[in-house]
Amino acid sequence: MSAALEWTALGGLAGVAAIWDVKQGRVPNTVTFAAAAAGAVTSMILHGPGALPSSLLGCLVGLVLFLPLFAMGGMGAGDVKLLAAFGAWLGPITVLWAAIYASLVGGVMALVVAALHGYLADAFRNLAVVALIWRGGGQAPLAGLTLADSRGPRLAYAVPIGIGALLAFWFAQS
């Protein structure tokens, strides 16, 4: 019963966040904060009060994993908070896997979106510029290459985050 409830909740969160992100270009705090709180409470109900530290640590790990991408201007705050919300449901180890799967799925989706918009060559050129500048001068947001000022196509990153979380949960259950 608990696995079915968790599948339903995770799938619902993934779906709601993806729809918001695709339609509005953002994931609202009401979705992420409510999902994180529900994850912590549900973990305690299903697995006992001892599950709360794991849920809170999962939330923290999820937050920390994507926070540098936000700080560099490459990811929205809603995406960072979404991974943290999934962390409250998944715990620290599984949310780490969720971030890895989300990054892989997101990379493939980014290539497809860039190709469909005729932006693939520009995307690879921008990656080369970022790598060269960061190698020589350290990591910092680069003008023209952040979410705030890029002319490239957007990827609703809630989609790969949701897919990554569901994959991580699935593999954790097997």
C-alpha atoms as a PDB file:
ATOM      1  CA  MET A   1       0.000   0.000   0.000  1.00  0.00           C
ATOM      2  CA  SER A   2       2.748   2.491   0.883  1.00  0.00           C
ATOM      3  CA  ALA A   3       4.533   1.988  -2.456  1.00  0.00           C
ATOM      4  CA  ALA A   4       1.305   2.679  -4.350  1.00  0.00           C
ATOM      5  CA  LEU A   5       0.730   5.851  -2.352  1.00  0.00           C
ATOM      6  CA  GLU A   6       4.304   6.999  -2.934  1.00  0.00           C
ATOM      7  CA  TRP A   7       4.086   6.239  -6.684  1.00  0.00           C
ATOM      8  CA  THR A   8       0.871   8.219  -6.899  1.00  0.00           C
ATOM      9  CA  ALA A   9       2.284  11.169  -4.977  1.00  0.00           C
ATOM     10  CA  LEU A  10       5.563  11.234  -6.911  1.00  0.00           C
ATOM     11  CA  GLY A  11       3.784  10.881 -10.240  1.00  0.00           C
ATOM     12  CA  GLY A  12       1.331  13.608  -9.275  1.00  0.00           C
ATOM     13  CA  LEU A  13       4.128  15.957  -8.230  1.00  0.00           C
ATOM     14  CA  ALA A  14       6.060  15.231 -11.427  1.00  0.00           C
ATOM     15  CA  GLY A  15       2.962  15.856 -13.544  1.00  0.00           C
ATOM     16  CA  VAL A  16       1.814  19.035 -11.799  1.00  0.00           C
ATOM     17  CA  ALA A  17       5.317  20.532 -11.814  1.00  0.00           C
ATOM     18  CA  ALA A  18       5.849  19.650 -15.479  1.00  0.00           C
ATOM     19  CA  ILE A  19       2.538  21.202 -16.530  1.00  0.00           C
ATOM     20  CA  TRP A  20       3.272  24.401 -14.594  1.00  0.00           C
ATOM     21  CA  ASP A  21       6.781  24.636 -16.009  1.00  0.00           C
ATOM     22  CA  VAL A  22       5.754  23.959 -19.611  1.00  0.00           C
ATOM     23  CA  LYS A  23       2.812  26.398 -19.506  1.00  0.00           C
ATOM     24  CA  GLN A  24       4.158  29.131 -17.205  1.00  0.00           C
ATOM     25  CA  GLY A  25       7.930  28.717 -17.404  1.00  0.00           C
ATOM     26  CA  ARG A  26       8.217  28.231 -13.654  1.00  0.00           C
ATOM     27  CA  VAL A  27       7.349  25.919 -10.777  1.00  0.00           C
ATOM     28  CA  PRO A  28       5.555  27.845  -8.012  1.00  0.00           C
ATOM     29  CA  ASN A  29       6.511  27.734  -4.352  1.00  0.00           C
ATOM     30  CA  THR A  30       3.040  26.490  -3.441  1.00  0.00           C
ATOM     31  CA  VAL A  31       3.777  23.279  -5.362  1.00  0.00           C
ATOM     32  CA  THR A  32       7.317  22.728  -4.097  1.00  0.00           C
ATOM     33  CA  PHE A  33       6.772  23.700  -0.460  1.00  0.00           C
ATOM     34  CA  ALA A  34       3.518  21.736  -0.157  1.00  0.00           C
ATOM     35  CA  ALA A  35       5.156  18.697  -1.771  1.00  0.00           C
ATOM     36  CA  ALA A  36       8.161  18.870   0.565  1.00  0.00           C
ATOM     37  CA  ALA A  37       5.916  19.134   3.632  1.00  0.00           C
ATOM     38  CA  ALA A  38       3.705  16.298   2.390  1.00  0.00           C
ATOM     39  CA  GLY A  39       6.802  14.167   1.793  1.00  0.00           C
ATOM     40  CA  ALA A  40       8.060  14.684   5.331  1.00  0.00           C
ATOM     41  CA  VAL A  41       4.656  14.008   6.907  1.00  0.00           C
ATOM     42  CA  THR A  42       3.952  10.982   4.710  1.00  0.00           C
ATOM     43  CA  SER A  43       7.379   9.527   5.469  1.00  0.00           C
ATOM     44  CA  MET A  44       6.614   9.711   9.195  1.00  0.00           C
ATOM     45  CA  ILE A  45       3.167   8.191   8.744  1.00  0.00           C
ATOM     46  CA  LEU A  46       4.350   5.323   6.549  1.00  0.00           C
ATOM     47  CA  HIS A  47       7.718   4.601   8.134  1.00  0.00           C
ATOM     48  CA  GLY A  48       7.487   6.015  11.659  1.00  0.00           C
ATOM     49  CA  PRO A  49       8.909   9.146  13.304  1.00  0.00           C
ATOM     50  CA  GLY A  50      12.459   7.892  12.680  1.00  0.00           C
ATOM     51  CA  ALA A  51      11.928   8.570   8.964  1.00  0.00           C
ATOM     52  CA  LEU A  52      11.771  12.351   9.482  1.00  0.00           C
ATOM     53  CA  PRO A  53      15.567  12.908   9.606  1.00  0.00           C
ATOM     54  CA  SER A  54      16.008  10.981   6.348  1.00  0.00           C
ATOM     55  CA  SER A  55      13.227  12.986   4.719  1.00  0.00           C
ATOM     56  CA  LEU A  56      14.699  16.302   5.862  1.00  0.00           C
ATOM     57  CA  LEU A  57      18.189  15.249   4.799  1.00  0.00           C
ATOM     58  CA  GLY A  58      16.804  14.218   1.406  1.00  0.00           C
ATOM     59  CA  CYS A  59      15.263  17.663   1.073  1.00  0.00           C
ATOM     60  CA  LEU A  60      18.577  19.306   1.969  1.00  0.00           C
ATOM     61  CA  VAL A  61      20.583  17.100  -0.410  1.00  0.00           C
ATOM     62  CA  GLY A  62      18.118  17.838  -3.220  1.00  0.00           C
ATOM     63  CA  LEU A  63      18.491  21.547  -2.562  1.00  0.00           C
ATOM     64  CA  VAL A  64      22.279  21.477  -2.420  1.00  0.00           C
ATOM     65  CA  LEU A  65      22.715  19.380  -5.584  1.00  0.00           C
ATOM     66  CA  PHE A  66      21.177  21.912  -7.985  1.00  0.00           C
ATOM     67  CA  LEU A  67      21.873  25.106  -6.010  1.00  0.00           C
ATOM     68  CA  PRO A  68      25.203  25.761  -7.802  1.00  0.00           C
ATOM     69  CA  LEU A  69      23.420  25.639 -11.171  1.00  0.00           C
ATOM     70  CA  PHE A  70      20.982  28.271  -9.934  1.00  0.00           C
ATOM     71  CA  ALA A  71      23.819  30.414  -8.563  1.00  0.00           C
ATOM     72  CA  MET A  72      25.501  30.308 -11.981  1.00  0.00           C
ATOM     73  CA  GLY A  73      22.320  31.434 -13.728  1.00  0.00           C
ATOM     74  CA  GLY A  74      21.760  28.127 -15.501  1.00  0.00           C
ATOM     75  CA  MET A  75      18.675  26.905 -13.640  1.00  0.00           C
ATOM     76  CA  GLY A  76      15.593  28.449 -12.099  1.00  0.00           C
ATOM     77  CA  ALA A  77      14.958  28.500  -8.355  1.00  0.00           C
ATOM     78  CA  GLY A  78      11.753  26.488  -8.823  1.00  0.00           C
ATOM     79  CA  ASP A  79      13.739  23.623 -10.326  1.00  0.00           C
ATOM     80  CA  VAL A  80      16.107  23.613  -7.341  1.00  0.00           C
ATOM     81  CA  LYS A  81      13.182  23.600  -4.905  1.00  0.00           C
ATOM     82  CA  LEU A  82      11.456  20.876  -6.935  1.00  0.00           C
ATOM     83  CA  LEU A  83      14.415  18.520  -6.514  1.00  0.00           C
ATOM     84  CA  ALA A  84      14.417  19.377  -2.799  1.00  0.00           C
ATOM     85  CA  ALA A  85      10.712  18.503  -2.609  1.00  0.00           C
ATOM     86  CA  PHE A  86      11.373  15.167  -4.294  1.00  0.00           C
ATOM     87  CA  GLY A  87      14.178  14.676  -1.776  1.00  0.00           C
ATOM     88  CA  ALA A  88      11.672  14.864   1.074  1.00  0.00           C
ATOM     89  CA  TRP A  89       9.906  11.883  -0.489  1.00  0.00           C
ATOM     90  CA  LEU A  90      12.960   9.951  -1.677  1.00  0.00           C
ATOM     91  CA  GLY A  91      15.579  10.464   1.023  1.00  0.00           C
ATOM     92  CA  PRO A  92      19.208  11.499   0.541  1.00  0.00           C
ATOM     93  CA  ILE A  93      20.600   8.598  -1.495  1.00  0.00           C
ATOM     94  CA  THR A  94      17.669   8.200  -3.851  1.00  0.00           C
ATOM     95  CA  VAL A  95      17.451  11.955  -4.509  1.00  0.00           C
ATOM     96  CA  LEU A  96      21.127  11.872  -5.484  1.00  0.00           C
ATOM     97  CA  TRP A  97      20.233   9.258  -8.090  1.00  0.00           C
ATOM     98  CA  ALA A  98      17.219  11.341  -9.106  1.00  0.00           C
ATOM     99  CA  ALA A  99      19.542  14.282  -9.806  1.00  0.00           C
ATOM    100  CA  ILE A 100      21.850  12.070 -11.874  1.00  0.00           C
ATOM    101  CA  TYR A 101      18.958  10.659 -13.910  1.00  0.00           C
ATOM    102  CA  ALA A 102      17.430  14.138 -14.291  1.00  0.00           C
ATOM    103  CA  SER A 103      20.745  15.460 -15.577  1.00  0.00           C
ATOM    104  CA  LEU A 104      21.037  12.648 -18.118  1.00  0.00           C
ATOM    105  CA  VAL A 105      17.426  12.991 -19.282  1.00  0.00           C
ATOM    106  CA  GLY A 106      17.755  16.781 -19.293  1.00  0.00           C
ATOM    107  CA  GLY A 107      20.916  16.596 -21.395  1.00  0.00           C
ATOM    108  CA  VAL A 108      19.208  14.464 -24.019  1.00  0.00           C
ATOM    109  CA  MET A 109      16.130  16.713 -23.973  1.00  0.00           C
ATOM    110  CA  ALA A 110      18.329  19.809 -24.291  1.00  0.00           C
ATOM    111  CA  LEU A 111      19.998  18.358 -27.381  1.00  0.00           C
ATOM    112  CA  VAL A 112      16.607  17.583 -28.926  1.00  0.00           C
ATOM    113  CA  VAL A 113      15.179  21.044 -28.113  1.00  0.00           C
ATOM    114  CA  ALA A 114      18.317  22.759 -29.434  1.00  0.00           C
ATOM    115  CA  ALA A 115      18.239  20.702 -32.630  1.00  0.00           C
ATOM    116  CA  LEU A 116      14.528  21.366 -33.189  1.00  0.00           C
ATOM    117  CA  HIS A 117      15.137  25.115 -32.832  1.00  0.00           C
ATOM    118  CA  GLY A 118      18.242  25.172 -35.050  1.00  0.00           C
ATOM    119  CA  TYR A 119      20.354  26.104 -32.035  1.00  0.00           C
ATOM    120  CA  LEU A 120      22.551  23.022 -31.689  1.00  0.00           C
ATOM    121  CA  ALA A 121      25.742  24.522 -33.159  1.00  0.00           C
ATOM    122  CA  ASP A 122      25.317  27.638 -30.997  1.00  0.00           C
ATOM    123  CA  ALA A 123      24.746  25.464 -27.922  1.00  0.00           C
ATOM    124  CA  PHE A 124      27.976  23.535 -28.462  1.00  0.00           C
ATOM    125  CA  ARG A 125      29.868  26.748 -29.156  1.00  0.00           C
ATOM    126  CA  ASN A 126      28.520  28.247 -25.912  1.00  0.00           C
ATOM    127  CA  LEU A 127      29.559  25.138 -23.973  1.00  0.00           C
ATOM    128  CA  ALA A 128      33.077  25.423 -25.380  1.00  0.00           C
ATOM    129  CA  VAL A 129      33.240  29.104 -24.383  1.00  0.00           C
ATOM    130  CA  VAL A 130      32.029  28.328 -20.866  1.00  0.00           C
ATOM    131  CA  ALA A 131      34.566  25.504 -20.487  1.00  0.00           C
ATOM    132  CA  LEU A 132      37.451  27.675 -21.679  1.00  0.00           C
ATOM    133  CA  ILE A 133      36.571  30.667 -19.525  1.00  0.00           C
ATOM    134  CA  TRP A 134      35.872  28.581 -16.431  1.00  0.00           C
ATOM    135  CA  ARG A 135      39.118  26.664 -16.900  1.00  0.00           C
ATOM    136  CA  GLY A 136      41.155  29.839 -17.048  1.00  0.00           C
ATOM    137  CA  GLY A 137      39.330  32.187 -14.737  1.00  0.00           C
ATOM    138  CA  GLY A 138      37.112  30.197 -12.433  1.00  0.00           C
ATOM    139  CA  GLN A 139      33.409  29.620 -12.423  1.00  0.00           C
ATOM    140  CA  ALA A 140      31.123  32.616 -12.694  1.00  0.00           C
ATOM    141  CA  PRO A 141      27.914  33.421 -14.571  1.00  0.00           C
ATOM    142  CA  LEU A 142      28.673  34.541 -18.128  1.00  0.00           C
ATOM    143  CA  ALA A 143      26.759  37.394 -19.734  1.00  0.00           C
ATOM    144  CA  GLY A 144      24.564  36.182 -22.559  1.00  0.00           C
ATOM    145  CA  LEU A 145      24.664  32.580 -21.349  1.00  0.00           C
ATOM    146  CA  THR A 146      22.408  32.647 -18.288  1.00  0.00           C
ATOM    147  CA  LEU A 147      18.664  32.062 -18.104  1.00  0.00           C
ATOM    148  CA  ALA A 148      18.134  35.778 -17.615  1.00  0.00           C
ATOM    149  CA  ASP A 149      19.808  36.872 -20.843  1.00  0.00           C
ATOM    150  CA  SER A 150      20.261  33.891 -23.178  1.00  0.00           C
ATOM    151  CA  ARG A 151      18.627  33.949 -26.592  1.00  0.00           C
ATOM    152  CA  GLY A 152      18.536  30.159 -26.806  1.00  0.00           C
ATOM    153  CA  PRO A 153      15.431  27.987 -26.497  1.00  0.00           C
ATOM    154  CA  ARG A 154      14.170  27.111 -23.014  1.00  0.00           C
ATOM    155  CA  LEU A 155      13.788  23.659 -21.550  1.00  0.00           C
ATOM    156  CA  ALA A 156      11.109  23.173 -18.906  1.00  0.00           C
ATOM    157  CA  TYR A 157      13.484  21.380 -16.536  1.00  0.00           C
ATOM    158  CA  ALA A 158      10.691  20.160 -14.264  1.00  0.00           C
ATOM    159  CA  VAL A 159      10.090  17.495 -16.918  1.00  0.00           C
ATOM    160  CA  PRO A 160      13.500  15.792 -16.619  1.00  0.00           C
ATOM    161  CA  ILE A 161      13.518  16.325 -12.835  1.00  0.00           C
ATOM    162  CA  GLY A 162      10.197  14.491 -12.556  1.00  0.00           C
ATOM    163  CA  ILE A 163      11.377  11.708 -14.866  1.00  0.00           C
ATOM    164  CA  GLY A 164      14.628  11.428 -12.903  1.00  0.00           C
ATOM    165  CA  ALA A 165      12.772  11.192  -9.593  1.00  0.00           C
ATOM    166  CA  LEU A 166      10.440   8.505 -10.906  1.00  0.00           C
ATOM    167  CA  LEU A 167      13.352   6.516 -12.343  1.00  0.00           C
ATOM    168  CA  ALA A 168      15.260   6.768  -9.056  1.00  0.00           C
ATOM    169  CA  PHE A 169      12.223   5.624  -7.074  1.00  0.00           C
ATOM    170  CA  TRP A 170      11.632   2.750  -9.490  1.00  0.00           C
ATOM    171  CA  PHE A 171      15.229   1.536  -9.259  1.00  0.00           C
ATOM    172  CA  ALA A 172      15.172   1.933  -5.454  1.00  0.00           C
ATOM    173  CA  GLN A 173      12.084  -0.299  -5.297  1.00  0.00           C
ATOM    174  CA  SER A 174      13.675  -3.107  -7.367  1.00  0.00           C
END
